[in-house]
N, C-alpha and C. Protein backbone atom coordinates (compact mmCIF):
# COMPACT_ATOMS: atom_id res chain seq x y z
N MET A 1 268.04 -160.16 51.48
CA MET A 1 268.81 -158.97 51.80
C MET A 1 268.28 -158.36 53.10
N THR A 2 269.16 -158.00 53.99
CA THR A 2 268.79 -157.40 55.26
C THR A 2 268.61 -155.89 55.07
N VAL A 3 267.53 -155.36 55.62
CA VAL A 3 267.26 -153.93 55.57
C VAL A 3 267.74 -153.32 56.88
N GLN A 4 268.51 -152.27 56.80
CA GLN A 4 269.03 -151.59 57.98
C GLN A 4 268.13 -150.42 58.37
N TYR A 5 267.94 -150.25 59.65
CA TYR A 5 267.17 -149.13 60.19
C TYR A 5 267.99 -148.46 61.28
N ILE A 6 267.69 -147.20 61.53
CA ILE A 6 268.33 -146.50 62.65
C ILE A 6 267.26 -146.14 63.66
N GLY A 7 267.63 -146.22 64.92
CA GLY A 7 266.70 -145.89 65.99
C GLY A 7 266.76 -144.43 66.36
N PRO A 8 266.01 -144.03 67.37
CA PRO A 8 265.97 -142.63 67.79
C PRO A 8 267.34 -142.07 68.19
N VAL A 9 268.16 -142.87 68.85
CA VAL A 9 269.47 -142.39 69.28
C VAL A 9 270.34 -142.08 68.07
N GLN A 10 270.40 -143.02 67.13
CA GLN A 10 271.22 -142.82 65.93
C GLN A 10 270.68 -141.67 65.08
N LEU A 11 269.36 -141.55 65.01
CA LEU A 11 268.77 -140.45 64.25
C LEU A 11 269.14 -139.11 64.88
N GLY A 12 269.06 -139.04 66.21
CA GLY A 12 269.46 -137.82 66.90
C GLY A 12 270.92 -137.49 66.66
N GLU A 13 271.79 -138.52 66.74
CA GLU A 13 273.22 -138.29 66.49
C GLU A 13 273.46 -137.77 65.07
N ALA A 14 272.73 -138.33 64.10
CA ALA A 14 272.89 -137.89 62.72
C ALA A 14 272.47 -136.43 62.55
N LEU A 15 271.52 -135.99 63.38
CA LEU A 15 271.03 -134.60 63.31
C LEU A 15 271.81 -133.66 64.22
N GLY A 16 272.71 -134.23 65.02
CA GLY A 16 273.51 -133.40 65.92
C GLY A 16 272.76 -132.91 67.15
N VAL A 17 271.77 -133.70 67.59
CA VAL A 17 271.01 -133.33 68.79
C VAL A 17 271.18 -134.43 69.83
N SER A 18 270.67 -134.21 71.02
CA SER A 18 270.83 -135.19 72.10
C SER A 18 270.05 -136.46 71.80
N ARG A 19 270.39 -137.50 72.52
CA ARG A 19 269.73 -138.80 72.35
C ARG A 19 268.26 -138.74 72.73
N PHE A 20 267.86 -137.71 73.45
CA PHE A 20 266.48 -137.57 73.91
C PHE A 20 265.61 -136.74 72.97
N ALA A 21 266.23 -136.06 72.01
CA ALA A 21 265.49 -135.13 71.15
C ALA A 21 264.42 -135.83 70.32
N VAL A 22 264.76 -136.93 69.67
CA VAL A 22 263.81 -137.60 68.78
C VAL A 22 262.58 -138.08 69.54
N PRO A 23 262.73 -138.79 70.66
CA PRO A 23 261.51 -139.18 71.39
C PRO A 23 260.68 -137.98 71.86
N ARG A 24 261.34 -136.90 72.23
CA ARG A 24 260.60 -135.69 72.64
C ARG A 24 259.83 -135.11 71.46
N TRP A 25 260.48 -135.05 70.30
CA TRP A 25 259.78 -134.54 69.12
C TRP A 25 258.59 -135.43 68.79
N GLN A 26 258.78 -136.74 68.88
CA GLN A 26 257.66 -137.65 68.58
C GLN A 26 256.49 -137.38 69.53
N ALA A 27 256.78 -137.14 70.80
CA ALA A 27 255.73 -136.88 71.78
C ALA A 27 255.09 -135.51 71.57
N ARG A 28 255.89 -134.51 71.25
CA ARG A 28 255.36 -133.15 71.09
C ARG A 28 254.67 -132.91 69.77
N PHE A 29 255.06 -133.67 68.75
CA PHE A 29 254.53 -133.46 67.41
C PHE A 29 253.98 -134.76 66.84
N PRO A 30 252.90 -135.31 67.44
CA PRO A 30 252.36 -136.60 66.99
C PRO A 30 251.64 -136.48 65.65
N ALA A 31 251.34 -137.63 65.07
CA ALA A 31 250.52 -137.64 63.85
C ALA A 31 249.23 -136.89 64.14
N GLY A 32 248.80 -136.12 63.19
CA GLY A 32 247.58 -135.34 63.37
C GLY A 32 247.82 -133.94 63.92
N SER A 33 249.05 -133.66 64.38
CA SER A 33 249.35 -132.31 64.85
C SER A 33 249.65 -131.41 63.65
N SER A 34 249.84 -130.14 63.90
CA SER A 34 250.08 -129.20 62.80
C SER A 34 251.43 -129.40 62.13
N HIS A 35 252.35 -130.06 62.81
CA HIS A 35 253.69 -130.30 62.25
C HIS A 35 254.17 -131.68 62.71
N PRO A 36 253.50 -132.75 62.24
CA PRO A 36 253.80 -134.09 62.76
C PRO A 36 255.22 -134.55 62.44
N PHE A 37 255.83 -135.22 63.41
CA PHE A 37 257.16 -135.80 63.21
C PHE A 37 257.03 -136.95 62.22
N PRO A 38 258.01 -137.12 61.33
CA PRO A 38 257.93 -138.21 60.34
C PRO A 38 257.75 -139.58 61.01
N GLU A 39 256.77 -140.31 60.54
CA GLU A 39 256.47 -141.64 61.07
C GLU A 39 257.64 -142.58 60.81
N PRO A 40 257.90 -143.49 61.75
CA PRO A 40 258.97 -144.47 61.53
C PRO A 40 258.57 -145.47 60.44
N ASP A 41 259.58 -146.11 59.86
CA ASP A 41 259.33 -147.14 58.85
C ASP A 41 258.97 -148.47 59.49
N ILE A 42 259.41 -148.64 60.74
CA ILE A 42 259.21 -149.91 61.43
C ILE A 42 259.20 -149.64 62.93
N VAL A 43 258.51 -150.47 63.67
CA VAL A 43 258.55 -150.43 65.14
C VAL A 43 258.78 -151.87 65.60
N VAL A 44 259.84 -152.07 66.37
CA VAL A 44 260.18 -153.39 66.89
C VAL A 44 260.23 -153.29 68.41
N ASP A 45 259.40 -154.07 69.07
CA ASP A 45 259.31 -154.05 70.53
C ASP A 45 259.17 -152.63 71.09
N GLY A 46 258.37 -151.82 70.42
CA GLY A 46 258.11 -150.47 70.88
C GLY A 46 259.16 -149.44 70.48
N THR A 47 260.22 -149.88 69.80
CA THR A 47 261.28 -148.95 69.39
C THR A 47 261.12 -148.63 67.91
N PRO A 48 260.96 -147.34 67.58
CA PRO A 48 260.80 -146.98 66.18
C PRO A 48 262.13 -147.04 65.43
N GLY A 49 262.03 -147.27 64.13
CA GLY A 49 263.21 -147.27 63.27
C GLY A 49 262.92 -146.60 61.95
N TRP A 50 263.90 -145.90 61.44
CA TRP A 50 263.79 -145.21 60.16
C TRP A 50 264.89 -145.72 59.24
N ARG A 51 264.62 -145.76 57.96
CA ARG A 51 265.68 -146.08 57.00
C ARG A 51 266.68 -144.93 57.02
N PRO A 52 267.96 -145.23 56.93
CA PRO A 52 268.97 -144.16 56.93
C PRO A 52 268.75 -143.12 55.84
N THR A 53 268.13 -143.51 54.75
CA THR A 53 267.86 -142.57 53.66
C THR A 53 266.87 -141.48 54.05
N ARG A 54 266.19 -141.65 55.19
CA ARG A 54 265.19 -140.66 55.62
C ARG A 54 265.76 -139.59 56.55
N ILE A 55 267.06 -139.65 56.82
CA ILE A 55 267.67 -138.63 57.68
C ILE A 55 267.44 -137.24 57.09
N SER A 56 267.58 -137.10 55.78
CA SER A 56 267.37 -135.79 55.16
C SER A 56 265.92 -135.32 55.32
N GLU A 57 264.97 -136.25 55.27
CA GLU A 57 263.56 -135.89 55.47
C GLU A 57 263.33 -135.35 56.88
N VAL A 58 263.92 -136.02 57.86
CA VAL A 58 263.76 -135.57 59.24
C VAL A 58 264.49 -134.24 59.45
N SER A 59 265.63 -134.08 58.80
CA SER A 59 266.36 -132.82 58.88
C SER A 59 265.53 -131.68 58.29
N GLU A 60 264.88 -131.93 57.17
CA GLU A 60 264.01 -130.91 56.56
C GLU A 60 262.84 -130.60 57.48
N TRP A 61 262.27 -131.64 58.14
CA TRP A 61 261.19 -131.42 59.10
C TRP A 61 261.67 -130.48 60.21
N ARG A 62 262.87 -130.75 60.72
CA ARG A 62 263.43 -129.92 61.79
C ARG A 62 263.67 -128.49 61.29
N ASN A 63 264.16 -128.35 60.07
CA ASN A 63 264.40 -127.01 59.53
C ASN A 63 263.10 -126.23 59.40
N ARG A 64 262.02 -126.91 58.99
CA ARG A 64 260.72 -126.22 58.91
C ARG A 64 260.25 -125.83 60.30
N LEU A 65 260.52 -126.69 61.28
CA LEU A 65 260.17 -126.36 62.66
C LEU A 65 260.95 -125.15 63.13
N ARG A 66 262.24 -125.14 62.84
CA ARG A 66 263.07 -124.00 63.22
C ARG A 66 262.73 -122.76 62.40
N GLY A 67 262.10 -122.95 61.24
CA GLY A 67 261.68 -121.81 60.44
C GLY A 67 260.69 -120.92 61.17
N THR A 68 259.96 -121.51 62.10
CA THR A 68 259.02 -120.72 62.89
C THR A 68 259.77 -119.90 63.94
N ALA A 69 261.07 -120.14 64.07
CA ALA A 69 261.86 -119.45 65.08
C ALA A 69 261.98 -117.95 64.81
N ASP A 70 261.79 -117.56 63.56
CA ASP A 70 261.91 -116.14 63.24
C ASP A 70 260.91 -115.29 64.01
N ILE A 71 259.81 -115.89 64.44
CA ILE A 71 258.79 -115.13 65.16
C ILE A 71 258.94 -115.27 66.67
N ARG A 72 259.86 -116.12 67.12
CA ARG A 72 260.05 -116.31 68.56
C ARG A 72 260.94 -115.20 69.11
N PRO A 73 260.65 -114.73 70.32
CA PRO A 73 261.53 -113.75 70.94
C PRO A 73 262.88 -114.36 71.28
N LYS A 74 263.90 -113.52 71.36
CA LYS A 74 265.24 -113.98 71.66
C LYS A 74 265.83 -113.14 72.78
N ALA A 75 266.73 -113.72 73.54
CA ALA A 75 267.44 -113.00 74.61
C ALA A 75 268.84 -113.58 74.71
N THR A 76 269.76 -112.81 75.22
CA THR A 76 271.13 -113.28 75.35
C THR A 76 271.31 -114.10 76.62
N ARG A 77 272.38 -114.86 76.64
CA ARG A 77 272.72 -115.64 77.83
C ARG A 77 272.93 -114.71 79.01
N GLU A 78 273.55 -113.58 78.78
CA GLU A 78 273.81 -112.62 79.86
C GLU A 78 272.50 -112.11 80.46
N GLU A 79 271.52 -111.84 79.60
CA GLU A 79 270.22 -111.41 80.11
C GLU A 79 269.59 -112.50 80.97
N PHE A 80 269.68 -113.74 80.50
CA PHE A 80 269.15 -114.86 81.27
C PHE A 80 269.85 -114.96 82.62
N LEU A 81 271.18 -114.88 82.62
CA LEU A 81 271.94 -115.00 83.86
C LEU A 81 271.58 -113.89 84.84
N ARG A 82 271.35 -112.69 84.34
CA ARG A 82 270.97 -111.57 85.19
C ARG A 82 269.61 -111.82 85.84
N VAL A 83 268.64 -112.28 85.05
CA VAL A 83 267.30 -112.55 85.59
C VAL A 83 267.36 -113.73 86.56
N ALA A 84 268.13 -114.77 86.22
CA ALA A 84 268.26 -115.93 87.10
C ALA A 84 268.90 -115.53 88.43
N ALA A 85 269.89 -114.65 88.38
CA ALA A 85 270.52 -114.17 89.62
C ALA A 85 269.50 -113.45 90.48
N GLY A 86 268.62 -112.69 89.85
CA GLY A 86 267.56 -112.00 90.58
C GLY A 86 266.58 -112.97 91.24
N ARG A 87 266.53 -114.20 90.74
CA ARG A 87 265.66 -115.23 91.31
C ARG A 87 266.42 -116.11 92.31
N GLY A 88 267.68 -115.75 92.60
CA GLY A 88 268.44 -116.47 93.61
C GLY A 88 269.36 -117.55 93.10
N PHE A 89 269.52 -117.67 91.79
CA PHE A 89 270.42 -118.67 91.22
C PHE A 89 271.84 -118.14 91.24
N ASP A 90 272.82 -118.99 91.61
CA ASP A 90 274.20 -118.58 91.37
C ASP A 90 274.52 -118.92 89.91
N GLN A 91 275.67 -118.51 89.43
CA GLN A 91 275.96 -118.67 88.01
C GLN A 91 275.99 -120.15 87.59
N ASP A 92 276.54 -121.02 88.42
CA ASP A 92 276.57 -122.45 88.08
C ASP A 92 275.16 -123.02 87.98
N GLU A 93 274.30 -122.68 88.94
CA GLU A 93 272.91 -123.17 88.90
C GLU A 93 272.20 -122.65 87.65
N ALA A 94 272.42 -121.39 87.35
CA ALA A 94 271.76 -120.79 86.18
C ALA A 94 272.23 -121.47 84.90
N MET A 95 273.52 -121.74 84.78
CA MET A 95 274.03 -122.39 83.57
C MET A 95 273.53 -123.83 83.46
N ARG A 96 273.47 -124.56 84.57
CA ARG A 96 272.92 -125.92 84.53
C ARG A 96 271.45 -125.89 84.11
N THR A 97 270.73 -124.91 84.63
CA THR A 97 269.32 -124.77 84.26
C THR A 97 269.18 -124.46 82.78
N LEU A 98 269.97 -123.52 82.30
CA LEU A 98 269.92 -123.16 80.88
C LEU A 98 270.27 -124.36 80.01
N ASN A 99 271.33 -125.08 80.36
CA ASN A 99 271.74 -126.24 79.56
C ASN A 99 270.65 -127.32 79.55
N THR A 100 269.98 -127.49 80.68
CA THR A 100 268.89 -128.46 80.74
C THR A 100 267.74 -128.04 79.84
N PHE A 101 267.38 -126.76 79.88
CA PHE A 101 266.31 -126.27 79.02
C PHE A 101 266.68 -126.40 77.55
N VAL A 102 267.91 -126.08 77.21
CA VAL A 102 268.36 -126.19 75.81
C VAL A 102 268.25 -127.64 75.34
N GLU A 103 268.62 -128.57 76.19
CA GLU A 103 268.51 -129.99 75.83
C GLU A 103 267.05 -130.43 75.76
N GLU A 104 266.23 -129.90 76.64
CA GLU A 104 264.81 -130.27 76.69
C GLU A 104 264.04 -129.76 75.46
N PHE A 105 264.47 -128.64 74.92
CA PHE A 105 263.78 -128.02 73.78
C PHE A 105 264.73 -127.90 72.59
N PRO A 106 265.09 -129.03 71.96
CA PRO A 106 266.08 -128.99 70.88
C PRO A 106 265.61 -128.24 69.64
N GLU A 107 264.32 -127.97 69.55
CA GLU A 107 263.82 -127.23 68.40
C GLU A 107 264.05 -125.72 68.54
N MET A 108 264.49 -125.29 69.72
CA MET A 108 264.73 -123.87 69.97
C MET A 108 266.22 -123.59 70.08
N THR A 109 266.61 -122.40 69.64
CA THR A 109 267.99 -121.98 69.82
C THR A 109 268.20 -121.56 71.27
N GLU A 110 269.46 -121.41 71.67
CA GLU A 110 269.72 -120.97 73.04
C GLU A 110 269.08 -119.60 73.30
N ALA A 111 269.16 -118.70 72.34
CA ALA A 111 268.58 -117.36 72.51
C ALA A 111 267.06 -117.43 72.71
N GLU A 112 266.41 -118.36 72.01
CA GLU A 112 264.97 -118.53 72.18
C GLU A 112 264.65 -119.12 73.54
N VAL A 113 265.47 -120.07 73.99
CA VAL A 113 265.27 -120.66 75.31
C VAL A 113 265.47 -119.60 76.39
N CYS A 114 266.49 -118.75 76.23
CA CYS A 114 266.72 -117.67 77.20
C CYS A 114 265.51 -116.77 77.30
N ALA A 115 264.96 -116.37 76.17
CA ALA A 115 263.78 -115.49 76.18
C ALA A 115 262.59 -116.20 76.83
N TRP A 116 262.40 -117.47 76.51
CA TRP A 116 261.30 -118.24 77.09
C TRP A 116 261.46 -118.33 78.61
N ALA A 117 262.67 -118.65 79.08
CA ALA A 117 262.92 -118.79 80.51
C ALA A 117 262.73 -117.45 81.24
N ILE A 118 263.22 -116.38 80.63
CA ILE A 118 263.05 -115.05 81.24
C ILE A 118 261.56 -114.75 81.39
N GLU A 119 260.79 -115.06 80.37
CA GLU A 119 259.34 -114.81 80.43
C GLU A 119 258.71 -115.63 81.54
N LYS A 120 259.13 -116.88 81.69
CA LYS A 120 258.59 -117.74 82.75
C LYS A 120 259.01 -117.24 84.14
N PHE A 121 260.26 -116.78 84.26
CA PHE A 121 260.77 -116.28 85.55
C PHE A 121 260.09 -114.98 85.96
N THR A 122 259.70 -114.17 85.00
CA THR A 122 259.19 -112.83 85.32
C THR A 122 257.67 -112.73 85.28
N SER A 123 256.99 -113.80 84.90
CA SER A 123 255.52 -113.70 84.83
C SER A 123 254.86 -114.27 86.07
């Protein structure tokens, strides 16, 4: 009997995140960290694979990660756009920047990314 596995892209799609989210989580939350990403069931030629039945486990891991979001500061998109404009960004540049940050940090909500970016822009 053949055993089926899903790779990082399929796992990300199942979770509704970008194709880059799973490899980023693996890098940011390695084994031994305070919130390690679930280890793959198999690695073939450097590509990890998980059994499809583990999607719920990874989803629960992500929910626990997002559970820490209650303590993160939040800001609106409008606040971010205002601060970005003050730094010389036009609205299109600011939105591209925000979208890139949101994709780069899939464990954060847009409001959390806005607050983080505002803090970085103003410090």
